[in-house]
Amino acid sequence: MHGEAPAAVRFLHAAAVLGAFVIALTLWAWGQPPVCTTGEVRPWIGSIWSSENSQQVADWYTLSHVVHGMLVALLGRIFGRWIGYPVLLSVAIGTAVGWEIDEHTDWVLEQFRATTIYQGYHGDSVLNAVCGYLFMLAGFFLANARRMAWLLALIAVLEVGSALTARDSLTLTTLQLVYPNPAIEAWQQEINPRTQSGPHATPP
């Protein structure tokens, strides 16, 4: 599979690297902060309610990027007879770059604020967006070399684990964007420290 059109694959690997720069330059030009406005760079933010969520290197939504890459690899397993690795890699790069940029258009930001739990969402830092893109590619390359059963099991673990722990995941975010469900939002808000009171409330 990887032997197909080696020149095209080399070009696409270069394009994958270039994609990170395209995302960074575009978001910087649009006014997104290069790093978290606190000035600190952290490897992980463990609460989706934190003001540093989507601003640092990784958070619970990083798993959604990994799953995104795995789903593209899954397409290769299903339609591999008709599409080759270069096409699959092109889809991975194109959808990852496209999403990181489209996500920061005014229309998409408004949709997130209106239909999901991200009411105060103003977009990612450049650092977080670029890292999300790299994690997506990592998910793609990892899953592309694995068996179908392993791939399906890992996608399920990441989605279920994220949903149960952080109360959000790629599946839930997509569902709430397309068909908002008040019951799901209420369940998510149960762990929102901004709506909790009393001694058991946890800071964001």
C-alpha atoms as a PDB file:
ATOM      1  CA  MET A   1       0.000   0.000   0.000  1.00  0.00           C
ATOM      2  CA  HIS A   2       2.755   2.433   1.002  1.00  0.00           C
ATOM      3  CA  GLY A   3       4.667   1.525  -2.159  1.00  0.00           C
ATOM      4  CA  GLU A   4       2.048   3.137  -4.381  1.00  0.00           C
ATOM      5  CA  ALA A   5       3.243   6.194  -6.279  1.00  0.00           C
ATOM      6  CA  PRO A   6       6.247   6.905  -3.974  1.00  0.00           C
ATOM      7  CA  ALA A   7       6.798  10.345  -5.490  1.00  0.00           C
ATOM      8  CA  ALA A   8       3.191  11.293  -4.731  1.00  0.00           C
ATOM      9  CA  VAL A   9       3.531   9.974  -1.173  1.00  0.00           C
ATOM     10  CA  ARG A  10       6.713  11.981  -0.612  1.00  0.00           C
ATOM     11  CA  PHE A  11       4.935  15.075  -1.888  1.00  0.00           C
ATOM     12  CA  LEU A  12       2.020  14.436   0.449  1.00  0.00           C
ATOM     13  CA  HIS A  13       4.329  13.954   3.424  1.00  0.00           C
ATOM     14  CA  ALA A  14       5.813  17.369   2.631  1.00  0.00           C
ATOM     15  CA  ALA A  15       2.278  18.749   2.285  1.00  0.00           C
ATOM     16  CA  ALA A  16       1.429  17.334   5.707  1.00  0.00           C
ATOM     17  CA  VAL A  17       4.279  19.337   7.251  1.00  0.00           C
ATOM     18  CA  LEU A  18       3.234  22.418   5.303  1.00  0.00           C
ATOM     19  CA  GLY A  19      -0.315  22.005   6.627  1.00  0.00           C
ATOM     20  CA  ALA A  20       0.851  22.852  10.148  1.00  0.00           C
ATOM     21  CA  PHE A  21       2.326  26.134   8.904  1.00  0.00           C
ATOM     22  CA  VAL A  22      -0.828  26.950   6.919  1.00  0.00           C
ATOM     23  CA  ILE A  23      -2.941  26.511  10.048  1.00  0.00           C
ATOM     24  CA  ALA A  24      -0.571  28.534  12.220  1.00  0.00           C
ATOM     25  CA  LEU A  25      -0.251  31.447   9.802  1.00  0.00           C
ATOM     26  CA  THR A  26      -3.975  31.564   9.033  1.00  0.00           C
ATOM     27  CA  LEU A  27      -5.095  31.588  12.661  1.00  0.00           C
ATOM     28  CA  TRP A  28      -2.393  34.062  13.640  1.00  0.00           C
ATOM     29  CA  ALA A  29      -3.537  36.373  10.818  1.00  0.00           C
ATOM     30  CA  TRP A  30      -7.120  36.020  12.069  1.00  0.00           C
ATOM     31  CA  GLY A  31      -6.097  37.174  15.528  1.00  0.00           C
ATOM     32  CA  GLN A  32      -5.985  33.912  17.486  1.00  0.00           C
ATOM     33  CA  PRO A  33      -3.410  34.041  20.310  1.00  0.00           C
ATOM     34  CA  PRO A  34      -0.183  32.126  19.605  1.00  0.00           C
ATOM     35  CA  VAL A  35      -0.337  30.469  23.046  1.00  0.00           C
ATOM     36  CA  CYS A  36      -2.639  30.659  26.058  1.00  0.00           C
ATOM     37  CA  THR A  37      -3.165  34.250  27.179  1.00  0.00           C
ATOM     38  CA  THR A  38      -1.735  33.313  30.599  1.00  0.00           C
ATOM     39  CA  GLY A  39       1.631  33.084  28.876  1.00  0.00           C
ATOM     40  CA  GLU A  40       2.197  29.578  30.229  1.00  0.00           C
ATOM     41  CA  VAL A  41       2.503  26.479  28.069  1.00  0.00           C
ATOM     42  CA  ARG A  42       1.110  23.315  29.634  1.00  0.00           C
ATOM     43  CA  PRO A  43       1.137  19.799  28.145  1.00  0.00           C
ATOM     44  CA  TRP A  44      -2.368  18.884  29.354  1.00  0.00           C
ATOM     45  CA  ILE A  45      -5.572  20.512  30.613  1.00  0.00           C
ATOM     46  CA  GLY A  46      -7.832  18.017  32.343  1.00  0.00           C
ATOM     47  CA  SER A  47     -11.097  19.977  32.522  1.00  0.00           C
ATOM     48  CA  ILE A  48     -13.208  20.977  29.524  1.00  0.00           C
ATOM     49  CA  TRP A  49     -14.501  23.845  31.686  1.00  0.00           C
ATOM     50  CA  SER A  50     -11.071  25.365  32.280  1.00  0.00           C
ATOM     51  CA  SER A  51     -10.343  28.754  30.714  1.00  0.00           C
ATOM     52  CA  GLU A  52      -7.170  27.116  29.371  1.00  0.00           C
ATOM     53  CA  ASN A  53      -9.090  24.403  27.535  1.00  0.00           C
ATOM     54  CA  SER A  54      -8.348  24.548  23.771  1.00  0.00           C
ATOM     55  CA  GLN A  55      -5.406  26.819  24.574  1.00  0.00           C
ATOM     56  CA  GLN A  56      -2.661  24.420  25.632  1.00  0.00           C
ATOM     57  CA  VAL A  57      -0.882  21.509  23.952  1.00  0.00           C
ATOM     58  CA  ALA A  58      -3.535  18.884  24.686  1.00  0.00           C
ATOM     59  CA  ASP A  59      -6.889  18.424  26.415  1.00  0.00           C
ATOM     60  CA  TRP A  60      -9.836  16.048  26.229  1.00  0.00           C
ATOM     61  CA  TYR A  61     -10.693  17.307  22.748  1.00  0.00           C
ATOM     62  CA  THR A  62      -7.290  16.123  21.569  1.00  0.00           C
ATOM     63  CA  LEU A  63      -8.819  12.637  21.623  1.00  0.00           C
ATOM     64  CA  SER A  64     -11.393  13.839  19.081  1.00  0.00           C
ATOM     65  CA  HIS A  65      -8.556  14.783  16.733  1.00  0.00           C
ATOM     66  CA  VAL A  66      -6.963  11.359  17.174  1.00  0.00           C
ATOM     67  CA  VAL A  67     -10.314   9.695  16.450  1.00  0.00           C
ATOM     68  CA  HIS A  68     -10.742  11.913  13.371  1.00  0.00           C
ATOM     69  CA  GLY A  69      -7.491  10.534  11.985  1.00  0.00           C
ATOM     70  CA  MET A  70      -8.511   6.993  12.811  1.00  0.00           C
ATOM     71  CA  LEU A  71     -11.843   7.406  11.054  1.00  0.00           C
ATOM     72  CA  VAL A  72     -10.051   8.479   7.878  1.00  0.00           C
ATOM     73  CA  ALA A  73      -7.862   5.384   8.171  1.00  0.00           C
ATOM     74  CA  LEU A  74     -11.034   3.346   8.642  1.00  0.00           C
ATOM     75  CA  LEU A  75     -12.250   4.635   5.276  1.00  0.00           C
ATOM     76  CA  GLY A  76      -9.125   3.104   3.800  1.00  0.00           C
ATOM     77  CA  ARG A  77     -10.021  -0.253   5.279  1.00  0.00           C
ATOM     78  CA  ILE A  78     -13.543  -0.088   3.893  1.00  0.00           C
ATOM     79  CA  PHE A  79     -12.806   1.402   0.470  1.00  0.00           C
ATOM     80  CA  GLY A  80      -9.167   0.393   0.090  1.00  0.00           C
ATOM     81  CA  ARG A  81      -9.992  -1.652  -2.982  1.00  0.00           C
ATOM     82  CA  TRP A  82     -11.006   1.519  -4.833  1.00  0.00           C
ATOM     83  CA  ILE A  83      -8.828   4.204  -3.290  1.00  0.00           C
ATOM     84  CA  GLY A  84      -5.087   4.107  -2.718  1.00  0.00           C
ATOM     85  CA  TYR A  85      -2.899   5.379   0.095  1.00  0.00           C
ATOM     86  CA  PRO A  86      -2.102   8.724  -1.618  1.00  0.00           C
ATOM     87  CA  VAL A  87      -5.810   9.532  -1.885  1.00  0.00           C
ATOM     88  CA  LEU A  88      -6.378   8.490   1.721  1.00  0.00           C
ATOM     89  CA  LEU A  89      -3.490  10.627   2.956  1.00  0.00           C
ATOM     90  CA  SER A  90      -4.801  13.556   0.909  1.00  0.00           C
ATOM     91  CA  VAL A  91      -8.172  13.190   2.635  1.00  0.00           C
ATOM     92  CA  ALA A  92      -6.478  13.096   6.038  1.00  0.00           C
ATOM     93  CA  ILE A  93      -4.450  16.247   5.380  1.00  0.00           C
ATOM     94  CA  GLY A  94      -7.270  18.106   3.651  1.00  0.00           C
ATOM     95  CA  THR A  95      -9.915  17.416   6.289  1.00  0.00           C
ATOM     96  CA  ALA A  96      -7.539  18.182   9.169  1.00  0.00           C
ATOM     97  CA  VAL A  97      -6.320  21.502   7.759  1.00  0.00           C
ATOM     98  CA  GLY A  98      -9.808  22.388   6.565  1.00  0.00           C
ATOM     99  CA  TRP A  99     -11.383  21.735   9.949  1.00  0.00           C
ATOM    100  CA  GLU A 100      -8.804  23.707  11.954  1.00  0.00           C
ATOM    101  CA  ILE A 101      -9.394  26.711   9.697  1.00  0.00           C
ATOM    102  CA  ASP A 102     -13.171  26.352   9.225  1.00  0.00           C
ATOM    103  CA  GLU A 103     -13.603  25.952  12.976  1.00  0.00           C
ATOM    104  CA  HIS A 104     -12.427  29.542  13.407  1.00  0.00           C
ATOM    105  CA  THR A 105     -14.776  31.173  10.928  1.00  0.00           C
ATOM    106  CA  ASP A 106     -17.435  33.378  12.493  1.00  0.00           C
ATOM    107  CA  TRP A 107     -20.265  31.122  11.324  1.00  0.00           C
ATOM    108  CA  VAL A 108     -18.831  27.942  12.856  1.00  0.00           C
ATOM    109  CA  LEU A 109     -17.895  29.693  16.099  1.00  0.00           C
ATOM    110  CA  GLU A 110     -21.458  30.963  16.372  1.00  0.00           C
ATOM    111  CA  GLN A 111     -22.803  27.450  15.786  1.00  0.00           C
ATOM    112  CA  PHE A 112     -20.630  26.096  18.589  1.00  0.00           C
ATOM    113  CA  ARG A 113     -21.738  28.824  20.983  1.00  0.00           C
ATOM    114  CA  ALA A 114     -25.404  28.443  20.063  1.00  0.00           C
ATOM    115  CA  THR A 115     -25.859  24.672  20.028  1.00  0.00           C
ATOM    116  CA  THR A 116     -23.210  23.116  22.284  1.00  0.00           C
ATOM    117  CA  ILE A 117     -21.763  23.606  25.766  1.00  0.00           C
ATOM    118  CA  TYR A 118     -19.130  25.980  24.353  1.00  0.00           C
ATOM    119  CA  GLN A 119     -21.087  29.171  25.028  1.00  0.00           C
ATOM    120  CA  GLY A 120     -17.947  31.173  25.743  1.00  0.00           C
ATOM    121  CA  TYR A 121     -15.813  29.573  23.046  1.00  0.00           C
ATOM    122  CA  HIS A 122     -13.705  31.995  21.014  1.00  0.00           C
ATOM    123  CA  GLY A 123     -11.483  29.498  19.226  1.00  0.00           C
ATOM    124  CA  ASP A 124      -8.191  27.751  19.888  1.00  0.00           C
ATOM    125  CA  SER A 125      -4.762  29.165  20.440  1.00  0.00           C
ATOM    126  CA  VAL A 126      -2.431  28.659  17.483  1.00  0.00           C
ATOM    127  CA  LEU A 127      -0.487  26.167  19.606  1.00  0.00           C
ATOM    128  CA  ASN A 128      -3.579  24.093  20.379  1.00  0.00           C
ATOM    129  CA  ALA A 129      -4.824  24.112  16.779  1.00  0.00           C
ATOM    130  CA  VAL A 130      -1.472  23.021  15.351  1.00  0.00           C
ATOM    131  CA  CYS A 131      -1.108  20.317  18.000  1.00  0.00           C
ATOM    132  CA  GLY A 132      -4.654  19.141  17.264  1.00  0.00           C
ATOM    133  CA  TYR A 133      -3.696  18.808  13.603  1.00  0.00           C
ATOM    134  CA  LEU A 134      -0.560  16.837  14.491  1.00  0.00           C
ATOM    135  CA  PHE A 135      -2.502  14.543  16.813  1.00  0.00           C
ATOM    136  CA  MET A 136      -5.004  13.928  14.010  1.00  0.00           C
ATOM    137  CA  LEU A 137      -2.191  12.872  11.686  1.00  0.00           C
ATOM    138  CA  ALA A 138      -0.722  10.715  14.449  1.00  0.00           C
ATOM    139  CA  GLY A 139      -4.069   8.949  14.799  1.00  0.00           C
ATOM    140  CA  PHE A 140      -4.200   8.418  11.040  1.00  0.00           C
ATOM    141  CA  PHE A 141      -0.687   6.986  10.723  1.00  0.00           C
ATOM    142  CA  LEU A 142      -1.103   4.799  13.818  1.00  0.00           C
ATOM    143  CA  ALA A 143      -4.456   3.377  12.726  1.00  0.00           C
ATOM    144  CA  ASN A 144      -3.442   2.938   9.107  1.00  0.00           C
ATOM    145  CA  ALA A 145      -1.014   0.213  10.145  1.00  0.00           C
ATOM    146  CA  ARG A 146      -3.401  -1.652  12.451  1.00  0.00           C
ATOM    147  CA  ARG A 147      -5.981  -4.349  11.929  1.00  0.00           C
ATOM    148  CA  MET A 148      -9.649  -3.438  11.589  1.00  0.00           C
ATOM    149  CA  ALA A 149     -10.654  -4.997  14.942  1.00  0.00           C
ATOM    150  CA  TRP A 150      -7.879  -3.137  16.759  1.00  0.00           C
ATOM    151  CA  LEU A 151      -8.865   0.117  15.073  1.00  0.00           C
ATOM    152  CA  LEU A 152     -12.571  -0.192  15.923  1.00  0.00           C
ATOM    153  CA  ALA A 153     -11.792  -1.120  19.516  1.00  0.00           C
ATOM    154  CA  LEU A 154      -9.474   1.851  20.016  1.00  0.00           C
ATOM    155  CA  ILE A 155     -11.968   4.315  18.515  1.00  0.00           C
ATOM    156  CA  ALA A 156     -14.626   2.957  20.881  1.00  0.00           C
ATOM    157  CA  VAL A 157     -12.310   3.213  23.908  1.00  0.00           C
ATOM    158  CA  LEU A 158     -11.325   6.800  23.134  1.00  0.00           C
ATOM    159  CA  GLU A 159     -14.893   7.936  22.470  1.00  0.00           C
ATOM    160  CA  VAL A 160     -16.467   6.167  25.447  1.00  0.00           C
ATOM    161  CA  GLY A 161     -13.606   7.100  27.766  1.00  0.00           C
ATOM    162  CA  SER A 162     -13.812  10.764  26.803  1.00  0.00           C
ATOM    163  CA  ALA A 163     -17.609  10.806  27.088  1.00  0.00           C
ATOM    164  CA  LEU A 164     -17.645   9.194  30.533  1.00  0.00           C
ATOM    165  CA  THR A 165     -14.731  11.171  31.960  1.00  0.00           C
ATOM    166  CA  ALA A 166     -15.041  14.607  30.356  1.00  0.00           C
ATOM    167  CA  ARG A 167     -18.690  14.227  29.268  1.00  0.00           C
ATOM    168  CA  ASP A 168     -17.865  15.187  25.713  1.00  0.00           C
ATOM    169  CA  SER A 169     -16.394  13.471  22.680  1.00  0.00           C
ATOM    170  CA  LEU A 170     -16.332  13.714  18.907  1.00  0.00           C
ATOM    171  CA  THR A 171     -19.635  11.840  18.715  1.00  0.00           C
ATOM    172  CA  LEU A 172     -21.356  14.024  21.306  1.00  0.00           C
ATOM    173  CA  THR A 173     -20.017  17.269  19.844  1.00  0.00           C
ATOM    174  CA  THR A 174     -21.182  16.284  16.363  1.00  0.00           C
ATOM    175  CA  LEU A 175     -24.596  15.230  17.670  1.00  0.00           C
ATOM    176  CA  GLN A 176     -25.070  18.481  19.573  1.00  0.00           C
ATOM    177  CA  LEU A 177     -24.085  20.524  16.526  1.00  0.00           C
ATOM    178  CA  VAL A 178     -26.439  18.677  14.178  1.00  0.00           C
ATOM    179  CA  TYR A 179     -29.344  17.843  16.494  1.00  0.00           C
ATOM    180  CA  PRO A 180     -28.991  19.503  19.931  1.00  0.00           C
ATOM    181  CA  ASN A 181     -30.411  17.408  22.748  1.00  0.00           C
ATOM    182  CA  PRO A 182     -31.263  19.249  26.005  1.00  0.00           C
ATOM    183  CA  ALA A 183     -30.916  16.051  28.039  1.00  0.00           C
ATOM    184  CA  ILE A 184     -27.333  15.553  26.855  1.00  0.00           C
ATOM    185  CA  GLU A 185     -26.468  19.176  27.621  1.00  0.00           C
ATOM    186  CA  ALA A 186     -27.987  18.895  31.097  1.00  0.00           C
ATOM    187  CA  TRP A 187     -25.915  15.764  31.740  1.00  0.00           C
ATOM    188  CA  GLN A 188     -22.764  17.565  30.563  1.00  0.00           C
ATOM    189  CA  GLN A 189     -23.502  20.606  32.710  1.00  0.00           C
ATOM    190  CA  GLU A 190     -23.705  18.473  35.849  1.00  0.00           C
ATOM    191  CA  ILE A 191     -19.915  18.652  36.173  1.00  0.00           C
ATOM    192  CA  ASN A 192     -19.599  22.296  35.137  1.00  0.00           C
ATOM    193  CA  PRO A 193     -17.924  24.023  38.120  1.00  0.00           C
ATOM    194  CA  ARG A 194     -19.473  27.338  37.072  1.00  0.00           C
ATOM    195  CA  THR A 195     -22.954  25.960  37.776  1.00  0.00           C
ATOM    196  CA  GLN A 196     -22.022  24.134  40.981  1.00  0.00           C
ATOM    197  CA  SER A 197     -22.176  25.669  44.423  1.00  0.00           C
ATOM    198  CA  GLY A 198     -21.231  24.576  47.873  1.00  0.00           C
ATOM    199  CA  PRO A 199     -18.207  22.705  49.274  1.00  0.00           C
ATOM    200  CA  HIS A 200     -18.131  20.133  46.469  1.00  0.00           C
ATOM    201  CA  ALA A 201     -17.745  22.667  43.676  1.00  0.00           C
ATOM    202  CA  THR A 202     -14.461  22.362  41.829  1.00  0.00           C
ATOM    203  CA  PRO A 203     -12.608  25.310  40.270  1.00  0.00           C
ATOM    204  CA  PRO A 204     -12.224  25.391  36.470  1.00  0.00           C
END
